PDB file of N, CA and C in Angstrom:
ATOM      1  N   MET A   1      15.566  27.222   8.920  1.00  0.00           N
ATOM      2  CA  MET A   1      15.446  28.242   9.867  1.00  0.00           C
ATOM      3  C   MET A   1      15.804  29.603   9.230  1.00  0.00           C
ATOM      4  N   THR A   2      15.039  30.642   9.105  1.00  0.00           N
ATOM      5  CA  THR A   2      15.474  31.838   8.538  1.00  0.00           C
ATOM      6  C   THR A   2      16.339  32.654   9.497  1.00  0.00           C
ATOM      7  N   ILE A   3      16.841  33.770   8.897  1.00  0.00           N
ATOM      8  CA  ILE A   3      17.719  34.722   9.803  1.00  0.00           C
ATOM      9  C   ILE A   3      16.812  35.250  10.941  1.00  0.00           C
ATOM     10  N   ASP A   4      15.665  35.702  10.598  1.00  0.00           N
ATOM     11  CA  ASP A   4      14.768  36.192  11.588  1.00  0.00           C
ATOM     12  C   ASP A   4      14.472  35.244  12.584  1.00  0.00           C
ATOM     13  N   GLN A   5      14.273  33.916  12.396  1.00  0.00           N
ATOM     14  CA  GLN A   5      13.917  33.058  13.393  1.00  0.00           C
ATOM     15  C   GLN A   5      15.137  32.753  14.271  1.00  0.00           C
ATOM     16  N   GLU A   6      16.296  32.807  13.653  1.00  0.00           N
ATOM     17  CA  GLU A   6      17.532  32.650  14.457  1.00  0.00           C
ATOM     18  C   GLU A   6      17.803  33.914  15.260  1.00  0.00           C
ATOM     19  N   ARG A   7      17.506  35.110  14.949  1.00  0.00           N
ATOM     20  CA  ARG A   7      17.611  36.057  15.699  1.00  0.00           C
ATOM     21  C   ARG A   7      16.630  36.283  16.895  1.00  0.00           C
ATOM     22  N   ARG A   8      15.536  35.559  16.833  1.00  0.00           N
ATOM     23  CA  ARG A   8      14.597  35.430  17.840  1.00  0.00           C
ATOM     24  C   ARG A   8      15.030  34.564  18.995  1.00  0.00           C
ATOM     25  N   ALA A   9      16.020  33.655  18.827  1.00  0.00           N
ATOM     26  CA  ALA A   9      16.637  32.798  19.803  1.00  0.00           C
ATOM     27  C   ALA A   9      17.086  33.599  21.020  1.00  0.00           C
ATOM     28  N   PRO A  10      16.908  33.246  22.061  1.00  0.00           N
ATOM     29  CA  PRO A  10      17.429  34.032  23.368  1.00  0.00           C
ATOM     30  C   PRO A  10      19.161  34.095  23.062  1.00  0.00           C
ATOM     31  N   ARG A  11      19.631  35.228  23.554  1.00  0.00           N
ATOM     32  CA  ARG A  11      21.071  35.329  23.445  1.00  0.00           C
ATOM     33  C   ARG A  11      21.665  35.593  24.790  1.00  0.00           C
ATOM     34  N   LEU A  12      22.932  35.052  24.787  1.00  0.00           N
ATOM     35  CA  LEU A  12      23.697  35.361  25.975  1.00  0.00           C
ATOM     36  C   LEU A  12      24.753  36.403  25.497  1.00  0.00           C
ATOM     37  N   SER A  13      24.866  37.451  26.061  1.00  0.00           N
ATOM     38  CA  SER A  13      25.903  38.379  25.790  1.00  0.00           C
ATOM     39  C   SER A  13      27.036  37.964  26.668  1.00  0.00           C
ATOM     40  N   ILE A  14      28.181  37.573  25.933  1.00  0.00           N
ATOM     41  CA  ILE A  14      29.268  36.971  26.714  1.00  0.00           C
ATOM     42  C   ILE A  14      30.428  37.174  25.848  1.00  0.00           C
ATOM     43  N   GLN A  15      31.488  37.862  26.506  1.00  0.00           N
ATOM     44  CA  GLN A  15      32.834  38.086  25.765  1.00  0.00           C
ATOM     45  C   GLN A  15      33.883  37.238  26.269  1.00  0.00           C
ATOM     46  N   VAL A  16      34.019  36.157  25.587  1.00  0.00           N
ATOM     47  CA  VAL A  16      35.090  35.187  26.078  1.00  0.00           C
ATOM     48  C   VAL A  16      36.006  34.860  24.747  1.00  0.00           C
ATOM     49  N   PRO A  17      37.258  34.550  24.951  1.00  0.00           N
ATOM     50  CA  PRO A  17      38.154  34.314  23.903  1.00  0.00           C
ATOM     51  C   PRO A  17      37.702  33.049  23.202  1.00  0.00           C
ATOM     52  N   THR A  18      37.904  32.999  21.861  1.00  0.00           N
ATOM     53  CA  THR A  18      37.394  31.878  21.079  1.00  0.00           C
ATOM     54  C   THR A  18      38.607  31.677  19.902  1.00  0.00           C
ATOM     55  N   GLU A  19      38.726  30.450  19.589  1.00  0.00           N
ATOM     56  CA  GLU A  19      39.770  30.066  18.607  1.00  0.00           C
ATOM     57  C   GLU A  19      38.917  29.227  17.553  1.00  0.00           C
ATOM     58  N   TYR A  20      39.279  29.531  16.301  1.00  0.00           N
ATOM     59  CA  TYR A  20      38.557  28.762  15.247  1.00  0.00           C
ATOM     60  C   TYR A  20      39.478  28.433  14.130  1.00  0.00           C
ATOM     61  N   GLU A  21      39.179  27.499  13.357  1.00  0.00           N
ATOM     62  CA  GLU A  21      39.908  27.173  12.021  1.00  0.00           C
ATOM     63  C   GLU A  21      38.812  26.556  11.096  1.00  0.00           C
ATOM     64  N   TYR A  22      39.367  26.639   9.806  1.00  0.00           N
ATOM     65  CA  TYR A  22      38.571  25.965   8.767  1.00  0.00           C
ATOM     66  C   TYR A  22      38.366  24.582   8.921  1.00  0.00           C
ATOM     67  N   GLU A  23      37.320  24.021   8.803  1.00  0.00           N
ATOM     68  CA  GLU A  23      37.023  22.640   9.198  1.00  0.00           C
ATOM     69  C   GLU A  23      37.816  21.540   8.246  1.00  0.00           C
ATOM     70  N   TYR A  24      37.709  21.835   7.015  1.00  0.00           N
ATOM     71  CA  TYR A  24      38.266  20.810   5.992  1.00  0.00           C
ATOM     72  C   TYR A  24      39.683  21.189   5.359  1.00  0.00           C
ATOM     73  N   GLU A  25      40.410  22.055   5.837  1.00  0.00           N
ATOM     74  CA  GLU A  25      41.613  22.351   5.279  1.00  0.00           C
ATOM     75  C   GLU A  25      42.642  22.685   6.369  1.00  0.00           C
ATOM     76  N   SER A  26      43.907  22.475   6.092  1.00  0.00           N
ATOM     77  CA  SER A  26      44.906  23.044   7.046  1.00  0.00           C
ATOM     78  C   SER A  26      44.945  24.459   6.759  1.00  0.00           C
ATOM     79  N   SER A  27      44.697  25.256   7.778  1.00  0.00           N
ATOM     80  CA  SER A  27      44.822  26.726   7.679  1.00  0.00           C
ATOM     81  C   SER A  27      45.272  27.198   8.967  1.00  0.00           C
ATOM     82  N   THR A  28      45.579  28.724   8.860  1.00  0.00           N
ATOM     83  CA  THR A  28      46.036  29.224  10.015  1.00  0.00           C
ATOM     84  C   THR A  28      44.780  29.403  10.956  1.00  0.00           C
ATOM     85  N   PRO A  29      44.836  29.062  12.280  1.00  0.00           N
ATOM     86  CA  PRO A  29      43.821  29.275  13.058  1.00  0.00           C
ATOM     87  C   PRO A  29      43.569  30.737  13.390  1.00  0.00           C
ATOM     88  N   GLY A  30      42.339  31.071  13.723  1.00  0.00           N
ATOM     89  CA  GLY A  30      41.922  32.520  13.914  1.00  0.00           C
ATOM     90  C   GLY A  30      41.446  32.724  15.575  1.00  0.00           C
ATOM     91  N   SER A  31      41.536  33.736  15.866  1.00  0.00           N
ATOM     92  CA  SER A  31      41.145  33.895  17.239  1.00  0.00           C
ATOM     93  C   SER A  31      40.238  35.194  17.237  1.00  0.00           C
ATOM     94  N   GLY A  32      39.518  35.458  18.427  1.00  0.00           N
ATOM     95  CA  GLY A  32      38.591  36.586  18.543  1.00  0.00           C
ATOM     96  C   GLY A  32      37.911  36.525  19.797  1.00  0.00           C
ATOM     97  N   LEU A  33      36.766  37.366  19.923  1.00  0.00           N
ATOM     98  CA  LEU A  33      35.933  37.379  21.240  1.00  0.00           C
ATOM     99  C   LEU A  33      34.540  37.056  20.879  1.00  0.00           C
ATOM    100  N   THR A  34      33.871  36.131  21.526  1.00  0.00           N
ATOM    101  CA  THR A  34      32.460  36.007  21.261  1.00  0.00           C
ATOM    102  C   THR A  34      31.859  37.359  21.800  1.00  0.00           C
ATOM    103  N   GLU A  35      30.776  37.772  21.100  1.00  0.00           N
ATOM    104  CA  GLU A  35      30.067  38.878  21.454  1.00  0.00           C
ATOM    105  C   GLU A  35      28.717  38.407  22.078  1.00  0.00           C
ATOM    106  N   ASN A  36      28.133  37.461  21.417  1.00  0.00           N
ATOM    107  CA  ASN A  36      26.899  36.828  22.055  1.00  0.00           C
ATOM    108  C   ASN A  36      26.868  35.362  21.430  1.00  0.00           C
ATOM    109  N   VAL A  37      26.038  34.581  22.130  1.00  0.00           N
ATOM    110  CA  VAL A  37      25.768  33.180  21.803  1.00  0.00           C
ATOM    111  C   VAL A  37      24.194  32.960  21.952  1.00  0.00           C
ATOM    112  N   SER A  38      23.732  32.088  20.955  1.00  0.00           N
ATOM    113  CA  SER A  38      22.415  31.662  21.196  1.00  0.00           C
ATOM    114  C   SER A  38      22.457  30.198  20.823  1.00  0.00           C
ATOM    115  N   THR A  39      21.278  29.620  20.790  1.00  0.00           N
ATOM    116  CA  THR A  39      21.214  28.169  20.648  1.00  0.00           C
ATOM    117  C   THR A  39      21.421  27.924  19.067  1.00  0.00           C
ATOM    118  N   SER A  40      21.293  28.966  18.279  1.00  0.00           N
ATOM    119  CA  SER A  40      21.472  28.751  16.815  1.00  0.00           C
ATOM    120  C   SER A  40      22.956  29.124  16.318  1.00  0.00           C
ATOM    121  N   GLY A  41      23.639  29.883  17.194  1.00  0.00           N
ATOM    122  CA  GLY A  41      24.866  30.319  16.680  1.00  0.00           C
ATOM    123  C   GLY A  41      25.658  31.308  17.580  1.00  0.00           C
ATOM    124  N   VAL A  42      26.787  31.873  16.956  1.00  0.00           N
ATOM    125  CA  VAL A  42      27.622  32.800  17.747  1.00  0.00           C
ATOM    126  C   VAL A  42      28.090  33.969  16.875  1.00  0.00           C
ATOM    127  N   LEU A  43      28.406  35.124  17.515  1.00  0.00           N
ATOM    128  CA  LEU A  43      28.878  36.375  16.889  1.00  0.00           C
ATOM    129  C   LEU A  43      30.257  36.519  17.421  1.00  0.00           C
ATOM    130  N   VAL A  44      31.232  36.593  16.497  1.00  0.00           N
ATOM    131  CA  VAL A  44      32.670  36.740  16.918  1.00  0.00           C
ATOM    132  C   VAL A  44      33.194  37.901  16.484  1.00  0.00           C
ATOM    133  N   GLU A  45      33.664  38.742  17.454  1.00  0.00           N
ATOM    134  CA  GLU A  45      34.249  39.996  16.894  1.00  0.00           C
ATOM    135  C   GLU A  45      35.793  40.006  17.253  1.00  0.00           C
ATOM    136  N   HIS A  46      36.532  41.037  16.700  1.00  0.00           N
ATOM    137  CA  HIS A  46      37.900  41.112  16.806  1.00  0.00           C
ATOM    138  C   HIS A  46      38.509  39.930  16.320  1.00  0.00           C
ATOM    139  N   ALA A  47      38.020  39.386  15.160  1.00  0.00           N
ATOM    140  CA  ALA A  47      38.477  38.295  14.393  1.00  0.00           C
ATOM    141  C   ALA A  47      39.842  38.435  13.836  1.00  0.00           C
ATOM    142  N   SER A  48      40.848  37.421  13.977  1.00  0.00           N
ATOM    143  CA  SER A  48      41.939  37.601  13.406  1.00  0.00           C
ATOM    144  C   SER A  48      42.165  37.043  11.976  1.00  0.00           C
ATOM    145  N   ALA A  49      41.203  36.343  11.657  1.00  0.00           N
ATOM    146  CA  ALA A  49      41.251  35.625  10.170  1.00  0.00           C
ATOM    147  C   ALA A  49      39.714  35.695   9.837  1.00  0.00           C
ATOM    148  N   ALA A  50      39.667  35.813   8.549  1.00  0.00           N
ATOM    149  CA  ALA A  50      38.320  35.896   7.851  1.00  0.00           C
ATOM    150  C   ALA A  50      38.109  34.699   6.970  1.00  0.00           C
ATOM    151  N   PHE A  51      36.929  34.168   6.859  1.00  0.00           N
ATOM    152  CA  PHE A  51      36.597  32.957   5.905  1.00  0.00           C
ATOM    153  C   PHE A  51      35.343  33.272   5.178  1.00  0.00           C
ATOM    154  N   PRO A  52      35.195  32.822   4.060  1.00  0.00           N
ATOM    155  CA  PRO A  52      34.004  33.051   3.251  1.00  0.00           C
ATOM    156  C   PRO A  52      32.633  32.581   3.844  1.00  0.00           C
ATOM    157  N   ILE A  53      31.554  33.135   3.384  1.00  0.00           N
ATOM    158  CA  ILE A  53      30.291  32.666   3.641  1.00  0.00           C
ATOM    159  C   ILE A  53      30.244  31.193   3.409  1.00  0.00           C
ATOM    160  N   ASP A  54      29.504  30.474   4.235  1.00  0.00           N
ATOM    161  CA  ASP A  54      29.280  28.939   4.219  1.00  0.00           C
ATOM    162  C   ASP A  54      30.506  28.145   4.587  1.00  0.00           C
ATOM    163  N   ALA A  55      31.593  28.822   4.877  1.00  0.00           N
ATOM    164  CA  ALA A  55      32.807  28.074   5.327  1.00  0.00           C
ATOM    165  C   ALA A  55      32.521  27.372   6.736  1.00  0.00           C
ATOM    166  N   GLU A  56      32.692  26.080   6.874  1.00  0.00           N
ATOM    167  CA  GLU A  56      32.475  25.509   8.222  1.00  0.00           C
ATOM    168  C   GLU A  56      33.813  25.619   8.965  1.00  0.00           C
ATOM    169  N   LEU A  57      33.657  26.048  10.268  1.00  0.00           N
ATOM    170  CA  LEU A  57      34.722  26.324  11.030  1.00  0.00           C
ATOM    171  C   LEU A  57      34.631  25.464  12.384  1.00  0.00           C
ATOM    172  N   ARG A  58      35.719  24.887  12.829  1.00  0.00           N
ATOM    173  CA  ARG A  58      35.831  24.328  14.203  1.00  0.00           C
ATOM    174  C   ARG A  58      36.128  25.445  15.172  1.00  0.00           C
ATOM    175  N   MET A  59      35.203  25.669  16.143  1.00  0.00           N
ATOM    176  CA  MET A  59      35.293  26.800  17.092  1.00  0.00           C
ATOM    177  C   MET A  59      35.500  26.190  18.524  1.00  0.00           C
ATOM    178  N   ARG A  60      36.180  26.865  19.378  1.00  0.00           N
ATOM    179  CA  ARG A  60      36.400  26.454  20.634  1.00  0.00           C
ATOM    180  C   ARG A  60      36.297  27.630  21.695  1.00  0.00           C
ATOM    181  N   PHE A  61      35.363  27.441  22.586  1.00  0.00           N
ATOM    182  CA  PHE A  61      35.251  28.626  23.681  1.00  0.00           C
ATOM    183  C   PHE A  61      34.679  27.974  24.861  1.00  0.00           C
ATOM    184  N   SER A  62      34.722  28.792  25.966  1.00  0.00           N
ATOM    185  CA  SER A  62      34.193  28.335  27.304  1.00  0.00           C
ATOM    186  C   SER A  62      33.158  29.265  27.742  1.00  0.00           C
ATOM    187  N   PHE A  63      32.082  28.745  28.257  1.00  0.00           N
ATOM    188  CA  PHE A  63      30.998  29.598  28.705  1.00  0.00           C
ATOM    189  C   PHE A  63      31.163  30.139  30.168  1.00  0.00           C
ATOM    190  N   PHE A  64      31.894  29.357  30.933  1.00  0.00           N
ATOM    191  CA  PHE A  64      32.169  29.673  32.269  1.00  0.00           C
ATOM    192  C   PHE A  64      33.502  29.767  32.767  1.00  0.00           C
ATOM    193  N   LEU A  65      34.061  30.663  33.452  1.00  0.00           N
ATOM    194  CA  LEU A  65      35.306  30.935  34.014  1.00  0.00           C
ATOM    195  C   LEU A  65      35.840  29.477  34.670  1.00  0.00           C
ATOM    196  N   GLY A  66      36.961  29.025  34.178  1.00  0.00           N
ATOM    197  CA  GLY A  66      37.417  27.790  34.682  1.00  0.00           C
ATOM    198  C   GLY A  66      36.791  26.557  34.264  1.00  0.00           C
ATOM    199  N   SER A  67      35.891  26.484  33.284  1.00  0.00           N
ATOM    200  CA  SER A  67      35.351  25.277  32.755  1.00  0.00           C
ATOM    201  C   SER A  67      36.005  24.981  31.509  1.00  0.00           C
ATOM    202  N   PHE A  68      35.779  23.798  31.056  1.00  0.00           N
ATOM    203  CA  PHE A  68      36.438  23.336  29.918  1.00  0.00           C
ATOM    204  C   PHE A  68      35.997  23.891  28.753  1.00  0.00           C
ATOM    205  N   ASP A  69      36.731  24.039  27.673  1.00  0.00           N
ATOM    206  CA  ASP A  69      36.348  24.508  26.425  1.00  0.00           C
ATOM    207  C   ASP A  69      35.374  23.671  25.831  1.00  0.00           C
ATOM    208  N   THR A  70      34.499  24.185  25.068  1.00  0.00           N
ATOM    209  CA  THR A  70      33.442  23.400  24.309  1.00  0.00           C
ATOM    210  C   THR A  70      33.828  23.555  22.859  1.00  0.00           C
ATOM    211  N   LEU A  71      33.807  22.488  22.077  1.00  0.00           N
ATOM    212  CA  LEU A  71      33.966  22.618  20.650  1.00  0.00           C
ATOM    213  C   LEU A  71      32.660  22.547  19.877  1.00  0.00           C
ATOM    214  N   PHE A  72      32.614  23.421  18.789  1.00  0.00           N
ATOM    215  CA  PHE A  72      31.350  23.491  17.992  1.00  0.00           C
ATOM    216  C   PHE A  72      31.772  23.633  16.600  1.00  0.00           C
ATOM    217  N   THR A  73      30.982  23.097  15.758  1.00  0.00           N
ATOM    218  CA  THR A  73      31.262  23.353  14.287  1.00  0.00           C
ATOM    219  C   THR A  73      30.169  24.479  13.917  1.00  0.00           C
ATOM    220  N   GLY A  74      30.651  25.502  13.228  1.00  0.00           N
ATOM    221  CA  GLY A  74      29.754  26.575  12.772  1.00  0.00           C
ATOM    222  C   GLY A  74      30.069  26.925  11.291  1.00  0.00           C
ATOM    223  N   ALA A  75      28.955  27.346  10.675  1.00  0.00           N
ATOM    224  CA  ALA A  75      29.076  27.743   9.224  1.00  0.00           C
ATOM    225  C   ALA A  75      28.965  29.271   9.278  1.00  0.00           C
ATOM    226  N   VAL A  76      29.923  30.022   8.711  1.00  0.00           N
ATOM    227  CA  VAL A  76      29.772  31.468   8.482  1.00  0.00           C
ATOM    228  C   VAL A  76      28.564  31.792   7.767  1.00  0.00           C
ATOM    229  N   VAL A  77      27.810  32.783   8.380  1.00  0.00           N
ATOM    230  CA  VAL A  77      26.588  33.133   7.831  1.00  0.00           C
ATOM    231  C   VAL A  77      26.521  34.651   7.294  1.00  0.00           C
ATOM    232  N   ARG A  78      27.444  35.393   7.951  1.00  0.00           N
ATOM    233  CA  ARG A  78      27.658  36.818   7.575  1.00  0.00           C
ATOM    234  C   ARG A  78      28.822  37.492   8.149  1.00  0.00           C
ATOM    235  N   HIS A  79      29.271  38.475   7.530  1.00  0.00           N
ATOM    236  CA  HIS A  79      30.510  39.205   8.074  1.00  0.00           C
ATOM    237  C   HIS A  79      29.988  40.458   8.694  1.00  0.00           C
ATOM    238  N   THR A  80      30.856  40.924   9.688  1.00  0.00           N
ATOM    239  CA  THR A  80      30.606  42.190  10.293  1.00  0.00           C
ATOM    240  C   THR A  80      31.805  43.050  10.075  1.00  0.00           C
ATOM    241  N   ALA A  81      31.874  44.207  10.544  1.00  0.00           N
ATOM    242  CA  ALA A  81      32.931  45.066  10.438  1.00  0.00           C
ATOM    243  C   ALA A  81      34.353  44.479  10.913  1.00  0.00           C
ATOM    244  N   ASP A  82      34.032  43.707  11.965  1.00  0.00           N
ATOM    245  CA  ASP A  82      35.339  43.284  12.744  1.00  0.00           C
ATOM    246  C   ASP A  82      35.253  41.701  12.946  1.00  0.00           C
ATOM    247  N   GLY A  83      34.402  41.117  12.400  1.00  0.00           N
ATOM    248  CA  GLY A  83      34.238  39.634  12.706  1.00  0.00           C
ATOM    249  C   GLY A  83      33.306  38.995  11.703  1.00  0.00           C
ATOM    250  N   PHE A  84      32.535  38.043  12.459  1.00  0.00           N
ATOM    251  CA  PHE A  84      31.510  37.234  11.594  1.00  0.00           C
ATOM    252  C   PHE A  84      30.501  36.517  12.548  1.00  0.00           C
ATOM    253  N   ALA A  85      29.440  36.042  11.917  1.00  0.00           N
ATOM    254  CA  ALA A  85      28.315  35.297  12.662  1.00  0.00           C
ATOM    255  C   ALA A  85      28.419  34.045  12.088  1.00  0.00           C
ATOM    256  N   ALA A  86      28.172  33.033  12.890  1.00  0.00           N
ATOM    257  CA  ALA A  86      28.190  31.664  12.451  1.00  0.00           C
ATOM    258  C   ALA A  86      27.042  30.851  13.038  1.00  0.00           C
ATOM    259  N   CYS A  87      26.375  29.973  12.216  1.00  0.00           N
ATOM    260  CA  CYS A  87      25.221  29.160  12.787  1.00  0.00           C
ATOM    261  C   CYS A  87      25.886  27.910  13.157  1.00  0.00           C
ATOM    262  N   PHE A  88      25.398  27.236  14.283  1.00  0.00           N
ATOM    263  CA  PHE A  88      25.967  25.986  14.564  1.00  0.00           C
ATOM    264  C   PHE A  88      25.436  24.863  13.729  1.00  0.00           C
ATOM    265  N   VAL A  89      26.313  23.867  13.447  1.00  0.00           N
ATOM    266  CA  VAL A  89      25.884  22.750  12.582  1.00  0.00           C
ATOM    267  C   VAL A  89      26.157  21.501  13.279  1.00  0.00           C
ATOM    268  N   ARG A  90      25.478  20.355  12.987  1.00  0.00           N
ATOM    269  CA  ARG A  90      25.772  19.044  13.654  1.00  0.00           C
ATOM    270  C   ARG A  90      26.017  19.154  15.140  1.00  0.00           C
ATOM    271  N   LEU A  91      25.149  19.766  15.840  1.00  0.00           N
ATOM    272  CA  LEU A  91      25.209  19.749  17.459  1.00  0.00           C
ATOM    273  C   LEU A  91      25.002  18.405  17.929  1.00  0.00           C
ATOM    274  N   GLU A  92      25.659  18.007  18.961  1.00  0.00           N
ATOM    275  CA  GLU A  92      25.462  16.860  19.567  1.00  0.00           C
ATOM    276  C   GLU A  92      24.727  17.131  20.928  1.00  0.00           C
ATOM    277  N   THR A  93      24.230  16.159  21.459  1.00  0.00           N
ATOM    278  CA  THR A  93      23.285  16.169  22.593  1.00  0.00           C
ATOM    279  C   THR A  93      23.964  17.016  23.731  1.00  0.00           C
ATOM    280  N   ALA A  94      25.203  16.713  23.992  1.00  0.00           N
ATOM    281  CA  ALA A  94      25.987  17.268  25.037  1.00  0.00           C
ATOM    282  C   ALA A  94      26.157  18.909  24.812  1.00  0.00           C
ATOM    283  N   GLN A  95      26.373  19.247  23.425  1.00  0.00           N
ATOM    284  CA  GLN A  95      26.505  20.497  23.152  1.00  0.00           C
ATOM    285  C   GLN A  95      25.263  21.376  23.230  1.00  0.00           C
ATOM    286  N   ILE A  96      24.243  20.729  22.907  1.00  0.00           N
ATOM    287  CA  ILE A  96      22.783  21.303  23.016  1.00  0.00           C
ATOM    288  C   ILE A  96      22.561  21.626  24.469  1.00  0.00           C
ATOM    289  N   GLU A  97      22.849  20.608  25.318  1.00  0.00           N
ATOM    290  CA  GLU A  97      22.716  20.816  26.846  1.00  0.00           C
ATOM    291  C   GLU A  97      23.507  22.026  27.328  1.00  0.00           C
ATOM    292  N   MET A  98      24.809  22.009  26.870  1.00  0.00           N
ATOM    293  CA  MET A  98      25.688  23.058  27.269  1.00  0.00           C
ATOM    294  C   MET A  98      25.184  24.396  26.976  1.00  0.00           C
ATOM    295  N   LEU A  99      24.611  24.551  25.697  1.00  0.00           N
ATOM    296  CA  LEU A  99      24.015  25.892  25.253  1.00  0.00           C
ATOM    297  C   LEU A  99      22.668  26.185  26.049  1.00  0.00           C
ATOM    298  N   ARG A 100      21.846  25.189  26.397  1.00  0.00           N
ATOM    299  CA  ARG A 100      20.625  25.384  27.172  1.00  0.00           C
ATOM    300  C   ARG A 100      21.012  25.963  28.589  1.00  0.00           C
ATOM    301  N   ARG A 101      21.998  25.272  29.216  1.00  0.00           N
ATOM    302  CA  ARG A 101      22.421  25.673  30.501  1.00  0.00           C
ATOM    303  C   ARG A 101      23.079  27.131  30.528  1.00  0.00           C
ATOM    304  N   ALA A 102      23.895  27.319  29.631  1.00  0.00           N
ATOM    305  CA  ALA A 102      24.498  28.578  29.546  1.00  0.00           C
ATOM    306  C   ALA A 102      23.524  29.702  29.290  1.00  0.00           C
ATOM    307  N   LEU A 103      22.377  29.407  28.566  1.00  0.00           N
ATOM    308  CA  LEU A 103      21.459  30.387  28.325  1.00  0.00           C
ATOM    309  C   LEU A 103      20.291  30.402  29.318  1.00  0.00           C
ATOM    310  N   ALA A 104      20.359  29.469  30.288  1.00  0.00           N
ATOM    311  CA  ALA A 104      19.272  29.358  31.199  1.00  0.00           C
ATOM    312  C   ALA A 104      17.941  28.924  30.715  1.00  0.00           C
ATOM    313  N   LEU A 105      18.000  27.991  29.688  1.00  0.00           N
ATOM    314  CA  LEU A 105      16.766  27.561  29.003  1.00  0.00           C
ATOM    315  C   LEU A 105      16.205  26.406  29.725  1.00  0.00           C
ATOM    316  N   PRO A 106      14.893  26.118  29.814  1.00  0.00           N
ATOM    317  CA  PRO A 106      14.381  24.872  30.337  1.00  0.00           C
ATOM    318  C   PRO A 106      14.643  23.811  29.344  1.00  0.00           C
ATOM    319  N   PRO A 107      14.652  22.624  29.838  1.00  0.00           N
ATOM    320  CA  PRO A 107      14.755  21.335  28.913  1.00  0.00           C
ATOM    321  C   PRO A 107      13.631  21.342  27.882  1.00  0.00           C
ATOM    322  N   PRO A 108      13.830  20.824  26.789  1.00  0.00           N
ATOM    323  CA  PRO A 108      12.684  20.645  25.817  1.00  0.00           C
ATOM    324  C   PRO A 108      11.607  19.728  26.427  1.00  0.00           C
ATOM    325  N   PRO A 109      10.419  19.932  26.149  1.00  0.00           N
ATOM    326  CA  PRO A 109       9.308  18.911  26.541  1.00  0.00           C
ATOM    327  C   PRO A 109       9.349  17.506  26.087  1.00  0.00           C
TER     328      PRO A 109
END
């Protein structure tokens, strides 16, 4: 999927706290605020830690007030002035369903 295709995915503008850490090493966890979420990834701003492009991060955030946090794996695809964008990788069925519900998308045919 190209960046243009990813950007065509419906986005949910949502500012919720997120925590993330490098997937394969012990590292200092980072935190920030989601800026928007789509079925392909997330934009995190006010990030407290930076990781290189292609770094896989474990990310945790909640879509709904009072709901359980959802865990995602995301690969950093670009940096912003104050954060990063990550595309989701290895999504499980429950994670895909959570994204579809949060984005109010119909189920696939």
